[in-house]
Amino acid sequence: MKKVIWNNIALLLMVVLTGTFMISADIAIAADYERMQQQTQTQMQEQEQIYGSQLMTEEERAEYRTRMRAATTAEERERIRAEHHERMKERAKDQGITLPDEPPERGMGRGMGPGGGMGSGGGMGPGGRNR
């Protein structure tokens, strides 16, 4: 009789521990998935905010971000933006793509002129909300 009780207790304990382990694993997987989604979204937003980013390599985007973060004044950031804009216009011209003539104003979001982005689909959606 005692052996049956101990077997039942051991079985119950195994079920509880297995369930606890599975729940912990699910929580860890969900947290990792959420973290990956956030990182991907952040990378996409950073890429979209760089004028002509689709014409740049990942290394060039990283270098541009580093230069912008290292700039100590608004004037220095504007100079970096203007120089970058000219380089991207030249690169676009070489590839047969047209970019806006004037550098985007600060705070325009995606930094590609009215409507945000090259071509259709960018900018504000219905009701003034981002898509």
C-alpha atoms as a PDB file:
ATOM      1  CA  MET A   1       0.000   0.000   0.000  1.00  0.00           C
ATOM      2  CA  LYS A   2       2.768   2.427   0.927  1.00  0.00           C
ATOM      3  CA  LYS A   3       4.535   1.573  -2.333  1.00  0.00           C
ATOM      4  CA  VAL A   4       1.410   2.486  -4.350  1.00  0.00           C
ATOM      5  CA  ILE A   5       1.066   5.786  -2.495  1.00  0.00           C
ATOM      6  CA  TRP A   6       4.744   6.623  -3.089  1.00  0.00           C
ATOM      7  CA  ASN A   7       4.419   5.689  -6.764  1.00  0.00           C
ATOM      8  CA  ASN A   8       1.383   7.967  -7.090  1.00  0.00           C
ATOM      9  CA  ILE A   9       3.195  10.799  -5.321  1.00  0.00           C
ATOM     10  CA  ALA A  10       6.242  10.311  -7.566  1.00  0.00           C
ATOM     11  CA  LEU A  11       4.022  10.299 -10.661  1.00  0.00           C
ATOM     12  CA  LEU A  12       2.189  13.428  -9.520  1.00  0.00           C
ATOM     13  CA  LEU A  13       5.499  15.136  -8.791  1.00  0.00           C
ATOM     14  CA  MET A  14       6.818  14.221 -12.254  1.00  0.00           C
ATOM     15  CA  VAL A  15       3.662  15.611 -13.884  1.00  0.00           C
ATOM     16  CA  VAL A  16       3.903  18.861 -11.906  1.00  0.00           C
ATOM     17  CA  LEU A  17       7.615  19.288 -12.650  1.00  0.00           C
ATOM     18  CA  THR A  18       7.130  18.490 -16.345  1.00  0.00           C
ATOM     19  CA  GLY A  19       4.273  20.984 -16.563  1.00  0.00           C
ATOM     20  CA  THR A  20       6.325  23.634 -14.784  1.00  0.00           C
ATOM     21  CA  PHE A  21       9.258  23.023 -17.126  1.00  0.00           C
ATOM     22  CA  MET A  22       7.030  23.236 -20.213  1.00  0.00           C
ATOM     23  CA  ILE A  23       5.446  26.491 -19.029  1.00  0.00           C
ATOM     24  CA  SER A  24       8.894  27.954 -18.283  1.00  0.00           C
ATOM     25  CA  ALA A  25      10.136  26.923 -21.728  1.00  0.00           C
ATOM     26  CA  ASP A  26       7.065  28.462 -23.391  1.00  0.00           C
ATOM     27  CA  ILE A  27       7.603  31.720 -21.517  1.00  0.00           C
ATOM     28  CA  ALA A  28      11.284  31.803 -22.518  1.00  0.00           C
ATOM     29  CA  ILE A  29      10.447  31.084 -26.167  1.00  0.00           C
ATOM     30  CA  ALA A  30       7.750  33.771 -26.170  1.00  0.00           C
ATOM     31  CA  ALA A  31      10.165  36.288 -24.640  1.00  0.00           C
ATOM     32  CA  ASP A  32      12.839  35.449 -27.234  1.00  0.00           C
ATOM     33  CA  TYR A  33      10.298  35.772 -30.040  1.00  0.00           C
ATOM     34  CA  GLU A  34       9.121  39.152 -28.730  1.00  0.00           C
ATOM     35  CA  ARG A  35      12.716  40.365 -28.419  1.00  0.00           C
ATOM     36  CA  MET A  36      13.486  39.253 -32.003  1.00  0.00           C
ATOM     37  CA  GLN A  37      10.378  41.034 -33.302  1.00  0.00           C
ATOM     38  CA  GLN A  38      11.345  44.244 -31.521  1.00  0.00           C
ATOM     39  CA  GLN A  39      14.911  44.086 -32.855  1.00  0.00           C
ATOM     40  CA  THR A  40      13.674  43.458 -36.392  1.00  0.00           C
ATOM     41  CA  GLN A  41      11.189  46.320 -36.166  1.00  0.00           C
ATOM     42  CA  THR A  42      13.851  48.666 -34.770  1.00  0.00           C
ATOM     43  CA  GLN A  43      16.274  47.715 -37.563  1.00  0.00           C
ATOM     44  CA  MET A  44      13.593  48.291 -40.196  1.00  0.00           C
ATOM     45  CA  GLN A  45      12.701  51.681 -38.727  1.00  0.00           C
ATOM     46  CA  GLU A  46      16.346  52.732 -38.575  1.00  0.00           C
ATOM     47  CA  GLN A  47      16.855  51.609 -42.164  1.00  0.00           C
ATOM     48  CA  GLU A  48      13.757  53.464 -43.366  1.00  0.00           C
ATOM     49  CA  GLN A  49      14.867  56.677 -41.653  1.00  0.00           C
ATOM     50  CA  ILE A  50      18.132  56.872 -43.597  1.00  0.00           C
ATOM     51  CA  TYR A  51      17.715  58.731 -46.863  1.00  0.00           C
ATOM     52  CA  GLY A  52      18.451  56.344 -49.715  1.00  0.00           C
ATOM     53  CA  SER A  53      19.024  53.405 -47.360  1.00  0.00           C
ATOM     54  CA  GLN A  54      17.896  50.977 -50.061  1.00  0.00           C
ATOM     55  CA  LEU A  55      20.926  52.104 -52.076  1.00  0.00           C
ATOM     56  CA  MET A  56      23.350  51.446 -49.198  1.00  0.00           C
ATOM     57  CA  THR A  57      25.059  48.385 -47.775  1.00  0.00           C
ATOM     58  CA  GLU A  58      24.501  47.439 -44.142  1.00  0.00           C
ATOM     59  CA  GLU A  59      28.028  48.640 -43.375  1.00  0.00           C
ATOM     60  CA  GLU A  60      27.296  52.037 -44.944  1.00  0.00           C
ATOM     61  CA  ARG A  61      24.091  52.371 -42.925  1.00  0.00           C
ATOM     62  CA  ALA A  62      25.967  51.490 -39.729  1.00  0.00           C
ATOM     63  CA  GLU A  63      28.696  54.019 -40.551  1.00  0.00           C
ATOM     64  CA  TYR A  64      26.097  56.726 -41.241  1.00  0.00           C
ATOM     65  CA  ARG A  65      24.339  56.023 -37.928  1.00  0.00           C
ATOM     66  CA  THR A  66      27.676  56.128 -36.109  1.00  0.00           C
ATOM     67  CA  ARG A  67      28.576  59.483 -37.690  1.00  0.00           C
ATOM     68  CA  MET A  68      25.163  60.934 -36.800  1.00  0.00           C
ATOM     69  CA  ARG A  69      25.400  59.737 -33.195  1.00  0.00           C
ATOM     70  CA  ALA A  70      28.931  61.131 -32.887  1.00  0.00           C
ATOM     71  CA  ALA A  71      27.918  64.578 -34.185  1.00  0.00           C
ATOM     72  CA  THR A  72      27.894  67.030 -31.311  1.00  0.00           C
ATOM     73  CA  THR A  73      25.866  69.875 -32.831  1.00  0.00           C
ATOM     74  CA  ALA A  74      22.727  70.245 -34.927  1.00  0.00           C
ATOM     75  CA  GLU A  75      24.820  72.000 -37.585  1.00  0.00           C
ATOM     76  CA  GLU A  76      27.192  69.064 -37.826  1.00  0.00           C
ATOM     77  CA  ARG A  77      24.261  66.640 -38.204  1.00  0.00           C
ATOM     78  CA  GLU A  78      22.751  68.838 -40.930  1.00  0.00           C
ATOM     79  CA  ARG A  79      26.094  68.896 -42.768  1.00  0.00           C
ATOM     80  CA  ILE A  80      26.335  65.093 -42.548  1.00  0.00           C
ATOM     81  CA  ARG A  81      22.744  64.780 -43.822  1.00  0.00           C
ATOM     82  CA  ALA A  82      23.385  67.174 -46.728  1.00  0.00           C
ATOM     83  CA  GLU A  83      26.603  65.385 -47.745  1.00  0.00           C
ATOM     84  CA  HIS A  84      24.862  62.021 -47.476  1.00  0.00           C
ATOM     85  CA  HIS A  85      21.942  63.312 -49.554  1.00  0.00           C
ATOM     86  CA  GLU A  86      24.289  64.395 -52.345  1.00  0.00           C
ATOM     87  CA  ARG A  87      26.068  61.016 -52.331  1.00  0.00           C
ATOM     88  CA  MET A  88      22.729  59.188 -52.499  1.00  0.00           C
ATOM     89  CA  LYS A  89      21.502  61.439 -55.341  1.00  0.00           C
ATOM     90  CA  GLU A  90      24.660  60.597 -57.312  1.00  0.00           C
ATOM     91  CA  ARG A  91      24.308  56.891 -56.567  1.00  0.00           C
ATOM     92  CA  ALA A  92      20.628  56.968 -57.533  1.00  0.00           C
ATOM     93  CA  LYS A  93      21.463  58.781 -60.766  1.00  0.00           C
ATOM     94  CA  ASP A  94      24.068  56.120 -61.593  1.00  0.00           C
ATOM     95  CA  GLN A  95      21.400  53.451 -61.045  1.00  0.00           C
ATOM     96  CA  GLY A  96      18.695  55.293 -62.981  1.00  0.00           C
ATOM     97  CA  ILE A  97      16.622  56.143 -59.897  1.00  0.00           C
ATOM     98  CA  THR A  98      15.268  59.625 -59.175  1.00  0.00           C
ATOM     99  CA  LEU A  99      15.456  61.109 -55.685  1.00  0.00           C
ATOM    100  CA  PRO A 100      14.083  64.505 -54.542  1.00  0.00           C
ATOM    101  CA  ASP A 101      16.323  67.482 -55.375  1.00  0.00           C
ATOM    102  CA  GLU A 102      16.310  68.981 -51.897  1.00  0.00           C
ATOM    103  CA  PRO A 103      17.461  67.196 -48.744  1.00  0.00           C
ATOM    104  CA  PRO A 104      14.497  66.271 -46.542  1.00  0.00           C
ATOM    105  CA  GLU A 105      13.720  68.571 -43.651  1.00  0.00           C
ATOM    106  CA  ARG A 106      14.533  67.309 -40.199  1.00  0.00           C
ATOM    107  CA  GLY A 107      11.745  65.319 -38.583  1.00  0.00           C
ATOM    108  CA  MET A 108      10.081  64.166 -41.797  1.00  0.00           C
ATOM    109  CA  GLY A 109      10.104  60.578 -40.630  1.00  0.00           C
ATOM    110  CA  ARG A 110      11.375  58.387 -43.412  1.00  0.00           C
ATOM    111  CA  GLY A 111      13.460  61.155 -44.863  1.00  0.00           C
ATOM    112  CA  MET A 112      12.475  60.761 -48.479  1.00  0.00           C
ATOM    113  CA  GLY A 113      10.408  63.878 -49.065  1.00  0.00           C
ATOM    114  CA  PRO A 114       6.615  64.138 -49.200  1.00  0.00           C
ATOM    115  CA  GLY A 115       4.918  60.784 -48.751  1.00  0.00           C
ATOM    116  CA  GLY A 116       8.016  59.331 -47.102  1.00  0.00           C
ATOM    117  CA  GLY A 117       9.972  56.669 -49.133  1.00  0.00           C
ATOM    118  CA  MET A 118      10.748  56.197 -52.778  1.00  0.00           C
ATOM    119  CA  GLY A 119       7.593  55.466 -54.684  1.00  0.00           C
ATOM    120  CA  SER A 120       4.137  54.858 -53.359  1.00  0.00           C
ATOM    121  CA  GLY A 121       3.146  53.263 -50.116  1.00  0.00           C
ATOM    122  CA  GLY A 122       5.062  55.338 -47.582  1.00  0.00           C
ATOM    123  CA  GLY A 123       4.030  58.091 -45.256  1.00  0.00           C
ATOM    124  CA  MET A 124       0.883  58.533 -43.254  1.00  0.00           C
ATOM    125  CA  GLY A 125      -2.073  56.220 -43.708  1.00  0.00           C
ATOM    126  CA  PRO A 126      -5.768  56.974 -43.361  1.00  0.00           C
ATOM    127  CA  GLY A 127      -6.656  59.048 -40.334  1.00  0.00           C
ATOM    128  CA  GLY A 128      -3.111  60.372 -39.964  1.00  0.00           C
ATOM    129  CA  ARG A 129      -1.752  57.189 -38.420  1.00  0.00           C
ATOM    130  CA  ASN A 130       1.362  55.344 -39.487  1.00  0.00           C
ATOM    131  CA  ARG A 131       0.686  52.031 -41.169  1.00  0.00           C
END
